[in-house]
Amino acid sequence: MSTRDRLHDKLARAFPGSELLDVVDESAAHAGHKASGEGGHFRVIIVSAAFEGLSRVERQRRVYEALGSEIGTSVHALSMTCLTPGEYRH
């Protein structure tokens, strides 16, 4: 299973019923980057009611918790967009 697929599975379990869950591997765009061999670069977009009432920092914290040991090993850099369904529609 690819790192991208593992990340997607972990996030799908942590945020069931998400309206949108997308994990994009952007590692190829960072080829030659100093730390490119030490994990990939990923972008995550999640639209979930689980984010209702949470600050941006708390939403990101929940994503980091869901990914656990992937951070710093399989994942070198992570960009996140974490929205509620209402925010996504506006």
PDB file of N, CA and C in Angstrom:
ATOM      1  N   MET A   1       0.848  -1.176   0.000  1.00  0.00           N
ATOM      2  CA  MET A   1       0.000   0.000   0.000  1.00  0.00           C
ATOM      3  C   MET A   1       0.896   1.241   0.000  1.00  0.00           C
ATOM      4  N   SER A   2       0.562   2.189  -0.822  1.00  0.00           N
ATOM      5  CA  SER A   2       1.361   3.414  -0.917  1.00  0.00           C
ATOM      6  C   SER A   2       1.162   4.285   0.328  1.00  0.00           C
ATOM      7  N   THR A   3       2.093   5.186   0.547  1.00  0.00           N
ATOM      8  CA  THR A   3       1.967   6.123   1.668  1.00  0.00           C
ATOM      9  C   THR A   3       0.698   6.938   1.521  1.00  0.00           C
ATOM     10  N   ARG A   4       0.413   7.390   0.325  1.00  0.00           N
ATOM     11  CA  ARG A   4      -0.797   8.178   0.079  1.00  0.00           C
ATOM     12  C   ARG A   4      -2.037   7.397   0.497  1.00  0.00           C
ATOM     13  N   ASP A   5      -2.094   6.116   0.122  1.00  0.00           N
ATOM     14  CA  ASP A   5      -3.246   5.285   0.475  1.00  0.00           C
ATOM     15  C   ASP A   5      -3.338   5.060   1.986  1.00  0.00           C
ATOM     16  N   ARG A   6      -2.198   4.857   2.648  1.00  0.00           N
ATOM     17  CA  ARG A   6      -2.197   4.695   4.103  1.00  0.00           C
ATOM     18  C   ARG A   6      -2.728   5.949   4.790  1.00  0.00           C
ATOM     19  N   LEU A   7      -2.265   7.110   4.329  1.00  0.00           N
ATOM     20  CA  LEU A   7      -2.736   8.373   4.901  1.00  0.00           C
ATOM     21  C   LEU A   7      -4.241   8.520   4.710  1.00  0.00           C
ATOM     22  N   HIS A   8      -4.708   8.228   3.509  1.00  0.00           N
ATOM     23  CA  HIS A   8      -6.136   8.336   3.208  1.00  0.00           C
ATOM     24  C   HIS A   8      -6.946   7.413   4.119  1.00  0.00           C
ATOM     25  N   ASP A   9      -6.493   6.171   4.282  1.00  0.00           N
ATOM     26  CA  ASP A   9      -7.210   5.217   5.131  1.00  0.00           C
ATOM     27  C   ASP A   9      -7.277   5.692   6.578  1.00  0.00           C
ATOM     28  N   LYS A  10      -6.164   6.193   7.101  1.00  0.00           N
ATOM     29  CA  LYS A  10      -6.141   6.675   8.486  1.00  0.00           C
ATOM     30  C   LYS A  10      -7.084   7.858   8.669  1.00  0.00           C
ATOM     31  N   LEU A  11      -7.092   8.764   7.712  1.00  0.00           N
ATOM     32  CA  LEU A  11      -7.966   9.932   7.809  1.00  0.00           C
ATOM     33  C   LEU A  11      -9.436   9.545   7.644  1.00  0.00           C
ATOM     34  N   ALA A  12      -9.713   8.591   6.772  1.00  0.00           N
ATOM     35  CA  ALA A  12     -11.093   8.137   6.587  1.00  0.00           C
ATOM     36  C   ALA A  12     -11.631   7.500   7.869  1.00  0.00           C
ATOM     37  N   ARG A  13     -10.782   6.784   8.590  1.00  0.00           N
ATOM     38  CA  ARG A  13     -11.202   6.192   9.868  1.00  0.00           C
ATOM     39  C   ARG A  13     -11.384   7.272  10.940  1.00  0.00           C
ATOM     40  N   ALA A  14     -10.535   8.276  10.934  1.00  0.00           N
ATOM     41  CA  ALA A  14     -10.605   9.335  11.948  1.00  0.00           C
ATOM     42  C   ALA A  14     -11.751  10.316  11.705  1.00  0.00           C
ATOM     43  N   PHE A  15     -12.112  10.496  10.432  1.00  0.00           N
ATOM     44  CA  PHE A  15     -13.160  11.457  10.066  1.00  0.00           C
ATOM     45  C   PHE A  15     -14.217  10.770   9.199  1.00  0.00           C
ATOM     46  N   PRO A  16     -14.948   9.801   9.775  1.00  0.00           N
ATOM     47  CA  PRO A  16     -15.952   9.080   8.979  1.00  0.00           C
ATOM     48  C   PRO A  16     -17.055  10.023   8.508  1.00  0.00           C
ATOM     49  N   GLY A  17     -17.561   9.757   7.332  1.00  0.00           N
ATOM     50  CA  GLY A  17     -18.637  10.573   6.790  1.00  0.00           C
ATOM     51  C   GLY A  17     -18.197  11.918   6.251  1.00  0.00           C
ATOM     52  N   SER A  18     -16.902  12.097   6.050  1.00  0.00           N
ATOM     53  CA  SER A  18     -16.414  13.366   5.493  1.00  0.00           C
ATOM     54  C   SER A  18     -17.025  13.601   4.121  1.00  0.00           C
ATOM     55  N   GLU A  19     -17.421  14.838   3.863  1.00  0.00           N
ATOM     56  CA  GLU A  19     -17.972  15.178   2.548  1.00  0.00           C
ATOM     57  C   GLU A  19     -16.895  15.148   1.478  1.00  0.00           C
ATOM     58  N   LEU A  20     -15.672  15.469   1.871  1.00  0.00           N
ATOM     59  CA  LEU A  20     -14.544  15.454   0.943  1.00  0.00           C
ATOM     60  C   LEU A  20     -13.310  15.048   1.724  1.00  0.00           C
ATOM     61  N   LEU A  21     -12.563  14.111   1.170  1.00  0.00           N
ATOM     62  CA  LEU A  21     -11.294  13.694   1.755  1.00  0.00           C
ATOM     63  C   LEU A  21     -10.354  13.401   0.601  1.00  0.00           C
ATOM     64  N   ASP A  22      -9.354  14.250   0.454  1.00  0.00           N
ATOM     65  CA  ASP A  22      -8.414  14.108  -0.650  1.00  0.00           C
ATOM     66  C   ASP A  22      -6.995  14.199  -0.105  1.00  0.00           C
ATOM     67  N   VAL A  23      -6.163  13.258  -0.515  1.00  0.00           N
ATOM     68  CA  VAL A  23      -4.750  13.256  -0.146  1.00  0.00           C
ATOM     69  C   VAL A  23      -3.960  13.275  -1.447  1.00  0.00           C
ATOM     70  N   VAL A  24      -3.152  14.299  -1.623  1.00  0.00           N
ATOM     71  CA  VAL A  24      -2.377  14.471  -2.850  1.00  0.00           C
ATOM     72  C   VAL A  24      -0.897  14.355  -2.521  1.00  0.00           C
ATOM     73  N   ASP A  25      -0.210  13.471  -3.230  1.00  0.00           N
ATOM     74  CA  ASP A  25       1.235  13.314  -3.069  1.00  0.00           C
ATOM     75  C   ASP A  25       1.920  14.348  -3.953  1.00  0.00           C
ATOM     76  N   GLU A  26       2.565  15.314  -3.334  1.00  0.00           N
ATOM     77  CA  GLU A  26       3.259  16.377  -4.062  1.00  0.00           C
ATOM     78  C   GLU A  26       4.770  16.182  -4.039  1.00  0.00           C
ATOM     79  N   SER A  27       5.219  14.984  -3.715  1.00  0.00           N
ATOM     80  CA  SER A  27       6.647  14.708  -3.560  1.00  0.00           C
ATOM     81  C   SER A  27       7.442  14.977  -4.828  1.00  0.00           C
ATOM     82  N   ALA A  28       6.879  14.652  -5.977  1.00  0.00           N
ATOM     83  CA  ALA A  28       7.604  14.841  -7.237  1.00  0.00           C
ATOM     84  C   ALA A  28       7.966  16.307  -7.459  1.00  0.00           C
ATOM     85  N   ALA A  29       7.132  17.203  -6.970  1.00  0.00           N
ATOM     86  CA  ALA A  29       7.402  18.636  -7.129  1.00  0.00           C
ATOM     87  C   ALA A  29       8.561  19.097  -6.251  1.00  0.00           C
ATOM     88  N   HIS A  30       8.970  18.236  -5.325  1.00  0.00           N
ATOM     89  CA  HIS A  30      10.044  18.597  -4.399  1.00  0.00           C
ATOM     90  C   HIS A  30      11.298  17.758  -4.618  1.00  0.00           C
ATOM     91  N   ALA A  31      11.390  17.096  -5.751  1.00  0.00           N
ATOM     92  CA  ALA A  31      12.580  16.299  -6.058  1.00  0.00           C
ATOM     93  C   ALA A  31      13.803  17.204  -6.013  1.00  0.00           C
ATOM     94  N   GLY A  32      14.848  16.720  -5.374  1.00  0.00           N
ATOM     95  CA  GLY A  32      16.055  17.521  -5.246  1.00  0.00           C
ATOM     96  C   GLY A  32      16.078  18.381  -4.003  1.00  0.00           C
ATOM     97  N   HIS A  33      14.941  18.509  -3.330  1.00  0.00           N
ATOM     98  CA  HIS A  33      14.859  19.240  -2.070  1.00  0.00           C
ATOM     99  C   HIS A  33      15.767  18.548  -1.062  1.00  0.00           C
ATOM    100  N   LYS A  34      16.403  19.296  -0.216  1.00  0.00           N
ATOM    101  CA  LYS A  34      17.394  18.770   0.729  1.00  0.00           C
ATOM    102  C   LYS A  34      16.914  17.523   1.462  1.00  0.00           C
ATOM    103  N   ALA A  35      15.680  17.509   1.941  1.00  0.00           N
ATOM    104  CA  ALA A  35      15.174  16.377   2.721  1.00  0.00           C
ATOM    105  C   ALA A  35      14.238  15.482   1.918  1.00  0.00           C
ATOM    106  N   SER A  36      14.308  15.529   0.594  1.00  0.00           N
ATOM    107  CA  SER A  36      13.344  14.797  -0.222  1.00  0.00           C
ATOM    108  C   SER A  36      13.403  13.296  -0.016  1.00  0.00           C
ATOM    109  N   GLY A  37      14.517  12.761   0.438  1.00  0.00           N
ATOM    110  CA  GLY A  37      14.609  11.330   0.666  1.00  0.00           C
ATOM    111  C   GLY A  37      14.114  10.900   2.033  1.00  0.00           C
ATOM    112  N   GLU A  38      13.663  11.841   2.844  1.00  0.00           N
ATOM    113  CA  GLU A  38      13.265  11.539   4.215  1.00  0.00           C
ATOM    114  C   GLU A  38      11.758  11.636   4.410  1.00  0.00           C
ATOM    115  N   GLY A  39      10.990  11.151   3.483  1.00  0.00           N
ATOM    116  CA  GLY A  39       9.537  11.211   3.577  1.00  0.00           C
ATOM    117  C   GLY A  39       8.973  12.116   2.509  1.00  0.00           C
ATOM    118  N   GLY A  40       7.684  11.934   2.259  1.00  0.00           N
ATOM    119  CA  GLY A  40       7.049  12.657   1.179  1.00  0.00           C
ATOM    120  C   GLY A  40       6.408  13.962   1.595  1.00  0.00           C
ATOM    121  N   HIS A  41       6.016  14.700   0.581  1.00  0.00           N
ATOM    122  CA  HIS A  41       5.296  15.964   0.732  1.00  0.00           C
ATOM    123  C   HIS A  41       3.850  15.697   0.315  1.00  0.00           C
ATOM    124  N   PHE A  42       2.910  16.002   1.197  1.00  0.00           N
ATOM    125  CA  PHE A  42       1.508  15.707   0.931  1.00  0.00           C
ATOM    126  C   PHE A  42       0.633  16.911   1.224  1.00  0.00           C
ATOM    127  N   ARG A  43      -0.486  16.973   0.492  1.00  0.00           N
ATOM    128  CA  ARG A  43      -1.514  17.988   0.717  1.00  0.00           C
ATOM    129  C   ARG A  43      -2.807  17.250   1.045  1.00  0.00           C
ATOM    130  N   VAL A  44      -3.469  17.656   2.110  1.00  0.00           N
ATOM    131  CA  VAL A  44      -4.695  17.021   2.571  1.00  0.00           C
ATOM    132  C   VAL A  44      -5.817  18.052   2.565  1.00  0.00           C
ATOM    133  N   ILE A  45      -6.960  17.659   2.014  1.00  0.00           N
ATOM    134  CA  ILE A  45      -8.163  18.491   2.052  1.00  0.00           C
ATOM    135  C   ILE A  45      -9.260  17.639   2.684  1.00  0.00           C
ATOM    136  N   ILE A  46      -9.822  18.139   3.779  1.00  0.00           N
ATOM    137  CA  ILE A  46     -10.881  17.409   4.471  1.00  0.00           C
ATOM    138  C   ILE A  46     -12.040  18.363   4.737  1.00  0.00           C
ATOM    139  N   VAL A  47     -13.237  17.928   4.365  1.00  0.00           N
ATOM    140  CA  VAL A  47     -14.459  18.655   4.697  1.00  0.00           C
ATOM    141  C   VAL A  47     -15.266  17.722   5.589  1.00  0.00           C
ATOM    142  N   SER A  48     -15.400  18.106   6.853  1.00  0.00           N
ATOM    143  CA  SER A  48     -16.037  17.217   7.823  1.00  0.00           C
ATOM    144  C   SER A  48     -16.790  18.008   8.884  1.00  0.00           C
ATOM    145  N   ALA A  49     -17.941  17.479   9.272  1.00  0.00           N
ATOM    146  CA  ALA A  49     -18.702  18.076  10.369  1.00  0.00           C
ATOM    147  C   ALA A  49     -17.944  17.943  11.691  1.00  0.00           C
ATOM    148  N   ALA A  50     -16.966  17.057  11.745  1.00  0.00           N
ATOM    149  CA  ALA A  50     -16.155  16.882  12.961  1.00  0.00           C
ATOM    150  C   ALA A  50     -15.381  18.152  13.312  1.00  0.00           C
ATOM    151  N   PHE A  51     -15.233  19.058  12.360  1.00  0.00           N
ATOM    152  CA  PHE A  51     -14.487  20.296  12.602  1.00  0.00           C
ATOM    153  C   PHE A  51     -15.360  21.431  13.147  1.00  0.00           C
ATOM    154  N   GLU A  52     -16.668  21.199  13.241  1.00  0.00           N
ATOM    155  CA  GLU A  52     -17.580  22.233  13.756  1.00  0.00           C
ATOM    156  C   GLU A  52     -17.130  22.682  15.141  1.00  0.00           C
ATOM    157  N   GLY A  53     -17.019  23.985  15.340  1.00  0.00           N
ATOM    158  CA  GLY A  53     -16.687  24.542  16.637  1.00  0.00           C
ATOM    159  C   GLY A  53     -15.216  24.474  17.021  1.00  0.00           C
ATOM    160  N   LEU A  54     -14.371  23.963  16.133  1.00  0.00           N
ATOM    161  CA  LEU A  54     -12.942  23.851  16.428  1.00  0.00           C
ATOM    162  C   LEU A  54     -12.155  24.952  15.729  1.00  0.00           C
ATOM    163  N   SER A  55     -11.123  25.435  16.386  1.00  0.00           N
ATOM    164  CA  SER A  55     -10.232  26.416  15.762  1.00  0.00           C
ATOM    165  C   SER A  55      -9.409  25.726  14.679  1.00  0.00           C
ATOM    166  N   ARG A  56      -8.769  26.510  13.853  1.00  0.00           N
ATOM    167  CA  ARG A  56      -7.919  25.960  12.800  1.00  0.00           C
ATOM    168  C   ARG A  56      -6.794  25.117  13.401  1.00  0.00           C
ATOM    169  N   VAL A  57      -6.224  25.586  14.491  1.00  0.00           N
ATOM    170  CA  VAL A  57      -5.141  24.847  15.151  1.00  0.00           C
ATOM    171  C   VAL A  57      -5.638  23.502  15.674  1.00  0.00           C
ATOM    172  N   GLU A  58      -6.815  23.485  16.288  1.00  0.00           N
ATOM    173  CA  GLU A  58      -7.363  22.233  16.816  1.00  0.00           C
ATOM    174  C   GLU A  58      -7.701  21.261  15.679  1.00  0.00           C
ATOM    175  N   ARG A  59      -8.185  21.758  14.573  1.00  0.00           N
ATOM    176  CA  ARG A  59      -8.467  20.895  13.416  1.00  0.00           C
ATOM    177  C   ARG A  59      -7.179  20.237  12.933  1.00  0.00           C
ATOM    178  N   GLN A  60      -6.134  21.036  12.808  1.00  0.00           N
ATOM    179  CA  GLN A  60      -4.850  20.495  12.361  1.00  0.00           C
ATOM    180  C   GLN A  60      -4.294  19.498  13.367  1.00  0.00           C
ATOM    181  N   ARG A  61      -4.460  19.786  14.637  1.00  0.00           N
ATOM    182  CA  ARG A  61      -4.011  18.866  15.687  1.00  0.00           C
ATOM    183  C   ARG A  61      -4.702  17.510  15.529  1.00  0.00           C
ATOM    184  N   ARG A  62      -5.987  17.531  15.232  1.00  0.00           N
ATOM    185  CA  ARG A  62      -6.729  16.268  15.051  1.00  0.00           C
ATOM    186  C   ARG A  62      -6.210  15.490  13.850  1.00  0.00           C
ATOM    187  N   VAL A  63      -5.848  16.186  12.795  1.00  0.00           N
ATOM    188  CA  VAL A  63      -5.282  15.507  11.624  1.00  0.00           C
ATOM    189  C   VAL A  63      -3.939  14.885  11.983  1.00  0.00           C
ATOM    190  N   TYR A  64      -3.088  15.637  12.653  1.00  0.00           N
ATOM    191  CA  TYR A  64      -1.792  15.095  13.083  1.00  0.00           C
ATOM    192  C   TYR A  64      -1.977  13.875  13.977  1.00  0.00           C
ATOM    193  N   GLU A  65      -2.932  13.927  14.891  1.00  0.00           N
ATOM    194  CA  GLU A  65      -3.204  12.785  15.768  1.00  0.00           C
ATOM    195  C   GLU A  65      -3.641  11.573  14.960  1.00  0.00           C
ATOM    196  N   ALA A  66      -4.466  11.788  13.952  1.00  0.00           N
ATOM    197  CA  ALA A  66      -4.951  10.682  13.126  1.00  0.00           C
ATOM    198  C   ALA A  66      -3.817  10.024  12.344  1.00  0.00           C
ATOM    199  N   LEU A  67      -2.856  10.823  11.919  1.00  0.00           N
ATOM    200  CA  LEU A  67      -1.760  10.282  11.106  1.00  0.00           C
ATOM    201  C   LEU A  67      -0.658   9.669  11.959  1.00  0.00           C
ATOM    202  N   GLY A  68      -0.591  10.036  13.217  1.00  0.00           N
ATOM    203  CA  GLY A  68       0.328   9.411  14.158  1.00  0.00           C
ATOM    204  C   GLY A  68       1.767   9.334  13.684  1.00  0.00           C
ATOM    205  N   SER A  69       2.313   8.134  13.687  1.00  0.00           N
ATOM    206  CA  SER A  69       3.736   7.919  13.396  1.00  0.00           C
ATOM    207  C   SER A  69       4.116   8.193  11.944  1.00  0.00           C
ATOM    208  N   GLU A  70       3.144   8.416  11.074  1.00  0.00           N
ATOM    209  CA  GLU A  70       3.469   8.744   9.676  1.00  0.00           C
ATOM    210  C   GLU A  70       4.216  10.085   9.608  1.00  0.00           C
ATOM    211  N   ILE A  71       3.882  10.985  10.544  1.00  0.00           N
ATOM    212  CA  ILE A  71       4.513  12.305  10.570  1.00  0.00           C
ATOM    213  C   ILE A  71       5.965  12.147  11.012  1.00  0.00           C
ATOM    214  N   GLY A  72       6.862  12.657  10.196  1.00  0.00           N
ATOM    215  CA  GLY A  72       8.281  12.579  10.512  1.00  0.00           C
ATOM    216  C   GLY A  72       8.960  11.331   9.991  1.00  0.00           C
ATOM    217  N   THR A  73       8.176  10.376   9.517  1.00  0.00           N
ATOM    218  CA  THR A  73       8.757   9.171   8.918  1.00  0.00           C
ATOM    219  C   THR A  73       8.370   9.132   7.442  1.00  0.00           C
ATOM    220  N   SER A  74       7.162   8.707   7.153  1.00  0.00           N
ATOM    221  CA  SER A  74       6.675   8.659   5.768  1.00  0.00           C
ATOM    222  C   SER A  74       6.320  10.039   5.235  1.00  0.00           C
ATOM    223  N   VAL A  75       6.023  10.960   6.146  1.00  0.00           N
ATOM    224  CA  VAL A  75       5.607  12.311   5.762  1.00  0.00           C
ATOM    225  C   VAL A  75       6.633  13.319   6.268  1.00  0.00           C
ATOM    226  N   HIS A  76       7.242  14.024   5.333  1.00  0.00           N
ATOM    227  CA  HIS A  76       8.202  15.080   5.673  1.00  0.00           C
ATOM    228  C   HIS A  76       7.497  16.430   5.800  1.00  0.00           C
ATOM    229  N   ALA A  77       6.538  16.681   4.907  1.00  0.00           N
ATOM    230  CA  ALA A  77       5.816  17.955   4.900  1.00  0.00           C
ATOM    231  C   ALA A  77       4.340  17.690   4.623  1.00  0.00           C
ATOM    232  N   LEU A  78       3.485  18.428   5.325  1.00  0.00           N
ATOM    233  CA  LEU A  78       2.047  18.240   5.186  1.00  0.00           C
ATOM    234  C   LEU A  78       1.359  19.598   5.137  1.00  0.00           C
ATOM    235  N   SER A  79       0.600  19.813   4.076  1.00  0.00           N
ATOM    236  CA  SER A  79      -0.215  21.011   3.927  1.00  0.00           C
ATOM    237  C   SER A  79      -1.667  20.584   4.134  1.00  0.00           C
ATOM    238  N   MET A  80      -2.425  21.346   4.923  1.00  0.00           N
ATOM    239  CA  MET A  80      -3.794  20.951   5.248  1.00  0.00           C
ATOM    240  C   MET A  80      -4.797  22.049   4.977  1.00  0.00           C
ATOM    241  N   THR A  81      -5.946  21.635   4.468  1.00  0.00           N
ATOM    242  CA  THR A  81      -7.132  22.475   4.416  1.00  0.00           C
ATOM    243  C   THR A  81      -8.218  21.681   5.120  1.00  0.00           C
ATOM    244  N   CYS A  82      -8.683  22.175   6.255  1.00  0.00           N
ATOM    245  CA  CYS A  82      -9.668  21.479   7.086  1.00  0.00           C
ATOM    246  C   CYS A  82     -10.884  22.381   7.245  1.00  0.00           C
ATOM    247  N   LEU A  83     -11.986  22.007   6.620  1.00  0.00           N
ATOM    248  CA  LEU A  83     -13.178  22.859   6.600  1.00  0.00           C
ATOM    249  C   LEU A  83     -14.407  22.130   7.113  1.00  0.00           C
ATOM    250  N   THR A  84     -15.355  22.894   7.636  1.00  0.00           N
ATOM    251  CA  THR A  84     -16.678  22.353   7.934  1.00  0.00           C
ATOM    252  C   THR A  84     -17.468  22.357   6.625  1.00  0.00           C
ATOM    253  N   PRO A  85     -18.555  21.599   6.548  1.00  0.00           N
ATOM    254  CA  PRO A  85     -19.365  21.632   5.326  1.00  0.00           C
ATOM    255  C   PRO A  85     -19.852  23.040   4.970  1.00  0.00           C
ATOM    256  N   GLY A  86     -20.245  23.827   5.967  1.00  0.00           N
ATOM    257  CA  GLY A  86     -20.700  25.195   5.705  1.00  0.00           C
ATOM    258  C   GLY A  86     -19.608  26.075   5.138  1.00  0.00           C
ATOM    259  N   GLU A  87     -18.408  25.951   5.661  1.00  0.00           N
ATOM    260  CA  GLU A  87     -17.273  26.731   5.151  1.00  0.00           C
ATOM    261  C   GLU A  87     -16.944  26.333   3.717  1.00  0.00           C
ATOM    262  N   TYR A  88     -17.063  25.068   3.430  1.00  0.00           N
ATOM    263  CA  TYR A  88     -16.746  24.564   2.092  1.00  0.00           C
ATOM    264  C   TYR A  88     -17.726  25.110   1.053  1.00  0.00           C
ATOM    265  N   ARG A  89     -18.979  25.221   1.435  1.00  0.00           N
ATOM    266  CA  ARG A  89     -19.997  25.689   0.490  1.00  0.00           C
ATOM    267  C   ARG A  89     -19.922  27.195   0.244  1.00  0.00           C
ATOM    268  N   HIS A  90     -19.268  27.937   1.117  1.00  0.00           N
ATOM    269  CA  HIS A  90     -19.192  29.401   0.968  1.00  0.00           C
ATOM    270  C   HIS A  90     -17.885  29.763   0.437  1.00  0.00           C
TER     271      HIS A  90
END
